[in-house]
PDB file of N, CA and C in Angstrom:
ATOM      1  N   MET A   1      70.139  -2.709  38.226  1.00  0.00           N
ATOM      2  CA  MET A   1      68.759  -2.296  38.029  1.00  0.00           C
ATOM      3  C   MET A   1      67.931  -3.524  37.680  1.00  0.00           C
ATOM      4  N   SER A   2      66.737  -3.530  38.144  1.00  0.00           N
ATOM      5  CA  SER A   2      65.847  -4.655  37.884  1.00  0.00           C
ATOM      6  C   SER A   2      64.778  -4.237  36.872  1.00  0.00           C
ATOM      7  N   TYR A   3      64.691  -4.981  35.793  1.00  0.00           N
ATOM      8  CA  TYR A   3      63.705  -4.702  34.750  1.00  0.00           C
ATOM      9  C   TYR A   3      62.515  -5.638  34.910  1.00  0.00           C
ATOM     10  N   ARG A   4      61.334  -5.132  34.654  1.00  0.00           N
ATOM     11  CA  ARG A   4      60.129  -5.956  34.728  1.00  0.00           C
ATOM     12  C   ARG A   4      59.831  -6.652  33.402  1.00  0.00           C
ATOM     13  N   SER A   5      60.361  -6.119  32.317  1.00  0.00           N
ATOM     14  CA  SER A   5      60.102  -6.677  30.991  1.00  0.00           C
ATOM     15  C   SER A   5      61.157  -7.714  30.636  1.00  0.00           C
ATOM     16  N   SER A   6      60.822  -8.534  29.671  1.00  0.00           N
ATOM     17  CA  SER A   6      61.776  -9.523  29.161  1.00  0.00           C
ATOM     18  C   SER A   6      62.444  -8.971  27.902  1.00  0.00           C
ATOM     19  N   SER A   7      63.546  -9.607  27.523  1.00  0.00           N
ATOM     20  CA  SER A   7      64.202  -9.203  26.278  1.00  0.00           C
ATOM     21  C   SER A   7      63.276  -9.483  25.096  1.00  0.00           C
ATOM     22  N   GLN A   8      62.465 -10.534  25.198  1.00  0.00           N
ATOM     23  CA  GLN A   8      61.520 -10.838  24.119  1.00  0.00           C
ATOM     24  C   GLN A   8      60.462  -9.751  23.987  1.00  0.00           C
ATOM     25  N   ALA A   9      60.032  -9.184  25.122  1.00  0.00           N
ATOM     26  CA  ALA A   9      59.052  -8.097  25.068  1.00  0.00           C
ATOM     27  C   ALA A   9      59.641  -6.893  24.342  1.00  0.00           C
ATOM     28  N   PHE A  10      60.939  -6.634  24.571  1.00  0.00           N
ATOM     29  CA  PHE A  10      61.571  -5.519  23.873  1.00  0.00           C
ATOM     30  C   PHE A  10      61.745  -5.835  22.393  1.00  0.00           C
ATOM     31  N   ASP A  11      62.054  -7.084  22.062  1.00  0.00           N
ATOM     32  CA  ASP A  11      62.136  -7.457  20.646  1.00  0.00           C
ATOM     33  C   ASP A  11      60.795  -7.226  19.956  1.00  0.00           C
ATOM     34  N   GLU A  12      59.717  -7.629  20.634  1.00  0.00           N
ATOM     35  CA  GLU A  12      58.385  -7.428  20.065  1.00  0.00           C
ATOM     36  C   GLU A  12      58.074  -5.941  19.924  1.00  0.00           C
ATOM     37  N   PHE A  13      58.427  -5.166  20.948  1.00  0.00           N
ATOM     38  CA  PHE A  13      58.177  -3.728  20.904  1.00  0.00           C
ATOM     39  C   PHE A  13      58.936  -3.071  19.766  1.00  0.00           C
ATOM     40  N   MET A  14      60.213  -3.421  19.606  1.00  0.00           N
ATOM     41  CA  MET A  14      61.020  -2.814  18.551  1.00  0.00           C
ATOM     42  C   MET A  14      60.544  -3.224  17.164  1.00  0.00           C
ATOM     43  N   GLY A  15      59.834  -4.328  17.060  1.00  0.00           N
ATOM     44  CA  GLY A  15      59.284  -4.760  15.783  1.00  0.00           C
ATOM     45  C   GLY A  15      57.859  -4.283  15.552  1.00  0.00           C
ATOM     46  N   SER A  16      57.341  -3.508  16.500  1.00  0.00           N
ATOM     47  CA  SER A  16      55.939  -3.089  16.412  1.00  0.00           C
ATOM     48  C   SER A  16      55.765  -1.820  15.587  1.00  0.00           C
ATOM     49  N   THR A  17      54.541  -1.625  15.137  1.00  0.00           N
ATOM     50  CA  THR A  17      54.224  -0.399  14.410  1.00  0.00           C
ATOM     51  C   THR A  17      54.248   0.807  15.347  1.00  0.00           C
ATOM     52  N   VAL A  18      53.999   0.588  16.635  1.00  0.00           N
ATOM     53  CA  VAL A  18      54.062   1.689  17.610  1.00  0.00           C
ATOM     54  C   VAL A  18      55.474   2.249  17.639  1.00  0.00           C
ATOM     55  N   TRP A  19      56.481   1.377  17.755  1.00  0.00           N
ATOM     56  CA  TRP A  19      57.870   1.842  17.783  1.00  0.00           C
ATOM     57  C   TRP A  19      58.256   2.457  16.443  1.00  0.00           C
ATOM     58  N   ASP A  20      57.815   1.860  15.353  1.00  0.00           N
ATOM     59  CA  ASP A  20      58.101   2.434  14.028  1.00  0.00           C
ATOM     60  C   ASP A  20      57.565   3.864  13.924  1.00  0.00           C
ATOM     61  N   ASP A  21      56.346   4.077  14.433  1.00  0.00           N
ATOM     62  CA  ASP A  21      55.759   5.419  14.406  1.00  0.00           C
ATOM     63  C   ASP A  21      56.552   6.385  15.278  1.00  0.00           C
ATOM     64  N   MET A  22      57.008   5.919  16.437  1.00  0.00           N
ATOM     65  CA  MET A  22      57.799   6.771  17.324  1.00  0.00           C
ATOM     66  C   MET A  22      59.133   7.145  16.680  1.00  0.00           C
ATOM     67  N   VAL A  23      59.785   6.183  16.049  1.00  0.00           N
ATOM     68  CA  VAL A  23      61.060   6.451  15.367  1.00  0.00           C
ATOM     69  C   VAL A  23      60.833   7.423  14.210  1.00  0.00           C
ATOM     70  N   GLN A  24      59.748   7.230  13.483  1.00  0.00           N
ATOM     71  CA  GLN A  24      59.425   8.139  12.374  1.00  0.00           C
ATOM     72  C   GLN A  24      59.252   9.564  12.900  1.00  0.00           C
ATOM     73  N   GLU A  25      58.570   9.727  14.014  1.00  0.00           N
ATOM     74  CA  GLU A  25      58.382  11.055  14.599  1.00  0.00           C
ATOM     75  C   GLU A  25      59.716  11.648  15.057  1.00  0.00           C
ATOM     76  N   MET A  26      60.565  10.840  15.658  1.00  0.00           N
ATOM     77  CA  MET A  26      61.874  11.316  16.097  1.00  0.00           C
ATOM     78  C   MET A  26      62.729  11.742  14.903  1.00  0.00           C
ATOM     79  N   GLN A  27      62.594  11.040  13.785  1.00  0.00           N
ATOM     80  CA  GLN A  27      63.331  11.417  12.581  1.00  0.00           C
ATOM     81  C   GLN A  27      62.855  12.772  12.062  1.00  0.00           C
ATOM     82  N   ILE A  28      61.559  13.024  12.166  1.00  0.00           N
ATOM     83  CA  ILE A  28      61.018  14.329  11.772  1.00  0.00           C
ATOM     84  C   ILE A  28      61.627  15.416  12.659  1.00  0.00           C
ATOM     85  N   TRP A  29      61.759  15.147  13.959  1.00  0.00           N
ATOM     86  CA  TRP A  29      62.369  16.116  14.870  1.00  0.00           C
ATOM     87  C   TRP A  29      63.828  16.364  14.482  1.00  0.00           C
ATOM     88  N   LEU A  30      64.569  15.281  14.165  1.00  0.00           N
ATOM     89  CA  LEU A  30      65.966  15.454  13.742  1.00  0.00           C
ATOM     90  C   LEU A  30      66.056  16.273  12.462  1.00  0.00           C
ATOM     91  N   ASP A  31      65.162  15.993  11.526  1.00  0.00           N
ATOM     92  CA  ASP A  31      65.139  16.765  10.277  1.00  0.00           C
ATOM     93  C   ASP A  31      64.867  18.245  10.561  1.00  0.00           C
ATOM     94  N   GLY A  32      63.983  18.514  11.518  1.00  0.00           N
ATOM     95  CA  GLY A  32      63.691  19.895  11.901  1.00  0.00           C
ATOM     96  C   GLY A  32      64.906  20.594  12.486  1.00  0.00           C
ATOM     97  N   LEU A  33      65.690  19.857  13.287  1.00  0.00           N
ATOM     98  CA  LEU A  33      66.922  20.435  13.836  1.00  0.00           C
ATOM     99  C   LEU A  33      67.911  20.751  12.725  1.00  0.00           C
ATOM    100  N   HIS A  34      67.980  19.871  11.743  1.00  0.00           N
ATOM    101  CA  HIS A  34      68.865  20.105  10.605  1.00  0.00           C
ATOM    102  C   HIS A  34      68.448  21.368   9.851  1.00  0.00           C
ATOM    103  N   LEU A  35      67.159  21.513   9.625  1.00  0.00           N
ATOM    104  CA  LEU A  35      66.654  22.717   8.946  1.00  0.00           C
ATOM    105  C   LEU A  35      66.950  23.969   9.762  1.00  0.00           C
ATOM    106  N   GLU A  36      66.821  23.851  11.085  1.00  0.00           N
ATOM    107  CA  GLU A  36      67.108  24.994  11.952  1.00  0.00           C
ATOM    108  C   GLU A  36      68.558  25.436  11.805  1.00  0.00           C
ATOM    109  N   LEU A  37      69.465  24.470  11.691  1.00  0.00           N
ATOM    110  CA  LEU A  37      70.873  24.800  11.476  1.00  0.00           C
ATOM    111  C   LEU A  37      71.077  25.507  10.138  1.00  0.00           C
ATOM    112  N   GLU A  38      70.431  24.995   9.110  1.00  0.00           N
ATOM    113  CA  GLU A  38      70.584  25.576   7.775  1.00  0.00           C
ATOM    114  C   GLU A  38      70.008  26.981   7.691  1.00  0.00           C
ATOM    115  N   ASN A  39      69.024  27.291   8.507  1.00  0.00           N
ATOM    116  CA  ASN A  39      68.366  28.595   8.444  1.00  0.00           C
ATOM    117  C   ASN A  39      69.024  29.645   9.327  1.00  0.00           C
ATOM    118  N   GLN A  40      70.179  29.348   9.871  1.00  0.00           N
ATOM    119  CA  GLN A  40      70.871  30.315  10.722  1.00  0.00           C
ATOM    120  C   GLN A  40      71.727  31.281   9.904  1.00  0.00           C
ATOM    121  N   GLY A  41      71.803  31.108   8.599  1.00  0.00           N
ATOM    122  CA  GLY A  41      72.534  32.020   7.731  1.00  0.00           C
ATOM    123  C   GLY A  41      74.026  32.054   7.969  1.00  0.00           C
ATOM    124  N   GLY A  42      74.581  30.979   8.488  1.00  0.00           N
ATOM    125  CA  GLY A  42      76.014  30.903   8.711  1.00  0.00           C
ATOM    126  C   GLY A  42      76.490  31.644   9.947  1.00  0.00           C
ATOM    127  N   GLU A  43      75.599  32.305  10.657  1.00  0.00           N
ATOM    128  CA  GLU A  43      75.957  33.074  11.846  1.00  0.00           C
ATOM    129  C   GLU A  43      75.360  32.422  13.095  1.00  0.00           C
ATOM    130  N   THR A  44      75.597  31.147  13.273  1.00  0.00           N
ATOM    131  CA  THR A  44      75.004  30.411  14.383  1.00  0.00           C
ATOM    132  C   THR A  44      75.807  30.627  15.661  1.00  0.00           C
ATOM    133  N   PRO A  45      75.194  31.224  16.671  1.00  0.00           N
ATOM    134  CA  PRO A  45      75.898  31.397  17.942  1.00  0.00           C
ATOM    135  C   PRO A  45      76.188  30.047  18.597  1.00  0.00           C
ATOM    136  N   ASP A  46      77.220  30.010  19.421  1.00  0.00           N
ATOM    137  CA  ASP A  46      77.619  28.777  20.093  1.00  0.00           C
ATOM    138  C   ASP A  46      76.484  28.158  20.893  1.00  0.00           C
ATOM    139  N   ARG A  47      75.707  28.975  21.585  1.00  0.00           N
ATOM    140  CA  ARG A  47      74.638  28.422  22.428  1.00  0.00           C
ATOM    141  C   ARG A  47      73.559  27.739  21.591  1.00  0.00           C
ATOM    142  N   VAL A  48      73.307  28.262  20.385  1.00  0.00           N
ATOM    143  CA  VAL A  48      72.330  27.623  19.498  1.00  0.00           C
ATOM    144  C   VAL A  48      72.873  26.275  19.034  1.00  0.00           C
ATOM    145  N   LEU A  49      74.150  26.243  18.678  1.00  0.00           N
ATOM    146  CA  LEU A  49      74.764  24.975  18.273  1.00  0.00           C
ATOM    147  C   LEU A  49      74.720  23.958  19.411  1.00  0.00           C
ATOM    148  N   HIS A  50      75.006  24.411  20.620  1.00  0.00           N
ATOM    149  CA  HIS A  50      74.952  23.516  21.781  1.00  0.00           C
ATOM    150  C   HIS A  50      73.545  22.956  21.976  1.00  0.00           C
ATOM    151  N   ARG A  51      72.555  23.826  21.896  1.00  0.00           N
ATOM    152  CA  ARG A  51      71.167  23.398  22.090  1.00  0.00           C
ATOM    153  C   ARG A  51      70.745  22.408  21.023  1.00  0.00           C
ATOM    154  N   ILE A  52      71.021  22.741  19.776  1.00  0.00           N
ATOM    155  CA  ILE A  52      70.628  21.857  18.678  1.00  0.00           C
ATOM    156  C   ILE A  52      71.373  20.527  18.774  1.00  0.00           C
ATOM    157  N   GLY A  53      72.668  20.585  19.064  1.00  0.00           N
ATOM    158  CA  GLY A  53      73.441  19.353  19.213  1.00  0.00           C
ATOM    159  C   GLY A  53      72.951  18.508  20.369  1.00  0.00           C
ATOM    160  N   GLY A  54      72.626  19.159  21.483  1.00  0.00           N
ATOM    161  CA  GLY A  54      72.095  18.434  22.639  1.00  0.00           C
ATOM    162  C   GLY A  54      70.756  17.794  22.339  1.00  0.00           C
ATOM    163  N   ASN A  55      69.889  18.525  21.640  1.00  0.00           N
ATOM    164  CA  ASN A  55      68.586  17.964  21.266  1.00  0.00           C
ATOM    165  C   ASN A  55      68.759  16.757  20.341  1.00  0.00           C
ATOM    166  N   ALA A  56      69.642  16.882  19.362  1.00  0.00           N
ATOM    167  CA  ALA A  56      69.869  15.774  18.429  1.00  0.00           C
ATOM    168  C   ALA A  56      70.413  14.559  19.169  1.00  0.00           C
ATOM    169  N   GLN A  57      71.345  14.778  20.098  1.00  0.00           N
ATOM    170  CA  GLN A  57      71.903  13.668  20.865  1.00  0.00           C
ATOM    171  C   GLN A  57      70.821  13.001  21.704  1.00  0.00           C
ATOM    172  N   ALA A  58      69.963  13.781  22.347  1.00  0.00           N
ATOM    173  CA  ALA A  58      68.888  13.221  23.168  1.00  0.00           C
ATOM    174  C   ALA A  58      67.938  12.375  22.324  1.00  0.00           C
ATOM    175  N   ILE A  59      67.617  12.846  21.141  1.00  0.00           N
ATOM    176  CA  ILE A  59      66.725  12.093  20.251  1.00  0.00           C
ATOM    177  C   ILE A  59      67.373  10.774  19.845  1.00  0.00           C
ATOM    178  N   ARG A  60      68.646  10.811  19.489  1.00  0.00           N
ATOM    179  CA  ARG A  60      69.333   9.586  19.078  1.00  0.00           C
ATOM    180  C   ARG A  60      69.447   8.592  20.231  1.00  0.00           C
ATOM    181  N   VAL A  61      69.699   9.076  21.446  1.00  0.00           N
ATOM    182  CA  VAL A  61      69.758   8.199  22.624  1.00  0.00           C
ATOM    183  C   VAL A  61      68.386   7.562  22.855  1.00  0.00           C
ATOM    184  N   PHE A  62      67.329   8.361  22.742  1.00  0.00           N
ATOM    185  CA  PHE A  62      65.974   7.840  22.902  1.00  0.00           C
ATOM    186  C   PHE A  62      65.690   6.730  21.899  1.00  0.00           C
ATOM    187  N   MET A  63      66.119   6.940  20.667  1.00  0.00           N
ATOM    188  CA  MET A  63      65.863   5.952  19.621  1.00  0.00           C
ATOM    189  C   MET A  63      66.626   4.648  19.855  1.00  0.00           C
ATOM    190  N   LYS A  64      67.722   4.678  20.613  1.00  0.00           N
ATOM    191  CA  LYS A  64      68.500   3.474  20.917  1.00  0.00           C
ATOM    192  C   LYS A  64      68.055   2.815  22.224  1.00  0.00           C
ATOM    193  N   MET A  65      67.231   3.499  23.013  1.00  0.00           N
ATOM    194  CA  MET A  65      66.899   3.038  24.346  1.00  0.00           C
ATOM    195  C   MET A  65      66.326   1.617  24.414  1.00  0.00           C
ATOM    196  N   PRO A  66      65.356   1.248  23.580  1.00  0.00           N
ATOM    197  CA  PRO A  66      64.841  -0.121  23.683  1.00  0.00           C
ATOM    198  C   PRO A  66      65.927  -1.176  23.461  1.00  0.00           C
ATOM    199  N   GLU A  67      66.820  -0.932  22.526  1.00  0.00           N
ATOM    200  CA  GLU A  67      67.903  -1.877  22.252  1.00  0.00           C
ATOM    201  C   GLU A  67      68.864  -1.964  23.448  1.00  0.00           C
ATOM    202  N   VAL A  68      69.176  -0.822  24.036  1.00  0.00           N
ATOM    203  CA  VAL A  68      70.083  -0.792  25.184  1.00  0.00           C
ATOM    204  C   VAL A  68      69.468  -1.535  26.367  1.00  0.00           C
ATOM    205  N   ILE A  69      68.193  -1.275  26.653  1.00  0.00           N
ATOM    206  CA  ILE A  69      67.540  -1.947  27.772  1.00  0.00           C
ATOM    207  C   ILE A  69      67.448  -3.444  27.515  1.00  0.00           C
ATOM    208  N   ARG A  70      67.083  -3.825  26.287  1.00  0.00           N
ATOM    209  CA  ARG A  70      67.023  -5.245  25.950  1.00  0.00           C
ATOM    210  C   ARG A  70      68.379  -5.910  26.173  1.00  0.00           C
ATOM    211  N   ASP A  71      69.443  -5.264  25.710  1.00  0.00           N
ATOM    212  CA  ASP A  71      70.782  -5.816  25.897  1.00  0.00           C
ATOM    213  C   ASP A  71      71.149  -5.906  27.373  1.00  0.00           C
ATOM    214  N   ASN A  72      70.733  -4.914  28.182  1.00  0.00           N
ATOM    215  CA  ASN A  72      70.978  -4.969  29.626  1.00  0.00           C
ATOM    216  C   ASN A  72      70.260  -6.149  30.263  1.00  0.00           C
ATOM    217  N   ILE A  73      69.036  -6.393  29.844  1.00  0.00           N
ATOM    218  CA  ILE A  73      68.270  -7.529  30.366  1.00  0.00           C
ATOM    219  C   ILE A  73      68.974  -8.838  30.042  1.00  0.00           C
ATOM    220  N   ILE A  74      69.442  -8.974  28.809  1.00  0.00           N
ATOM    221  CA  ILE A  74      70.150 -10.186  28.387  1.00  0.00           C
ATOM    222  C   ILE A  74      71.426 -10.338  29.201  1.00  0.00           C
ATOM    223  N   GLU A  75      72.166  -9.273  29.368  1.00  0.00           N
ATOM    224  CA  GLU A  75      73.431  -9.313  30.123  1.00  0.00           C
ATOM    225  C   GLU A  75      73.183  -9.659  31.596  1.00  0.00           C
ATOM    226  N   ASP A  76      72.146  -9.056  32.189  1.00  0.00           N
ATOM    227  CA  ASP A  76      71.799  -9.362  33.580  1.00  0.00           C
ATOM    228  C   ASP A  76      71.436 -10.832  33.754  1.00  0.00           C
ATOM    229  N   ARG A  77      70.730 -11.358  32.775  1.00  0.00           N
ATOM    230  CA  ARG A  77      70.330 -12.764  32.837  1.00  0.00           C
ATOM    231  C   ARG A  77      71.557 -13.674  32.761  1.00  0.00           C
ATOM    232  N   LYS A  78      72.521 -13.309  31.879  1.00  0.00           N
ATOM    233  CA  LYS A  78      73.751 -14.097  31.758  1.00  0.00           C
ATOM    234  C   LYS A  78      74.546 -14.071  33.065  1.00  0.00           C
ATOM    235  N   GLU A  79      74.625 -12.893  33.698  1.00  0.00           N
ATOM    236  CA  GLU A  79      75.369 -12.763  34.945  1.00  0.00           C
ATOM    237  C   GLU A  79      74.695 -13.524  36.089  1.00  0.00           C
ATOM    238  N   GLY A  80      73.373 -13.680  36.016  1.00  0.00           N
ATOM    239  CA  GLY A  80      72.624 -14.380  37.045  1.00  0.00           C
ATOM    240  C   GLY A  80      72.694 -15.898  36.934  1.00  0.00           C
ATOM    241  N   GLU A  81      73.207 -16.387  35.830  1.00  0.00           N
ATOM    242  CA  GLU A  81      73.278 -17.849  35.617  1.00  0.00           C
ATOM    243  C   GLU A  81      74.450 -18.455  36.338  1.00  0.00           C
TER     244      GLU A  81
END
């Protein structure tokens, strides 16, 4: 895959207040999923657990995405040398 951004651009993005705000919002979503689990009264159907677990996994993957892409850019650059 070819990226248009540099690893430095991702470093700057991950250090920005924009990314901090996005991570803060994602943490609120994770906290909401946790509360949803607690409010099931111990009778959580499998499909609800699957949905909540899938949502939590998607949020965590999203939160790691800038780091993963930055690392891919660095690795691609090393392979191109």
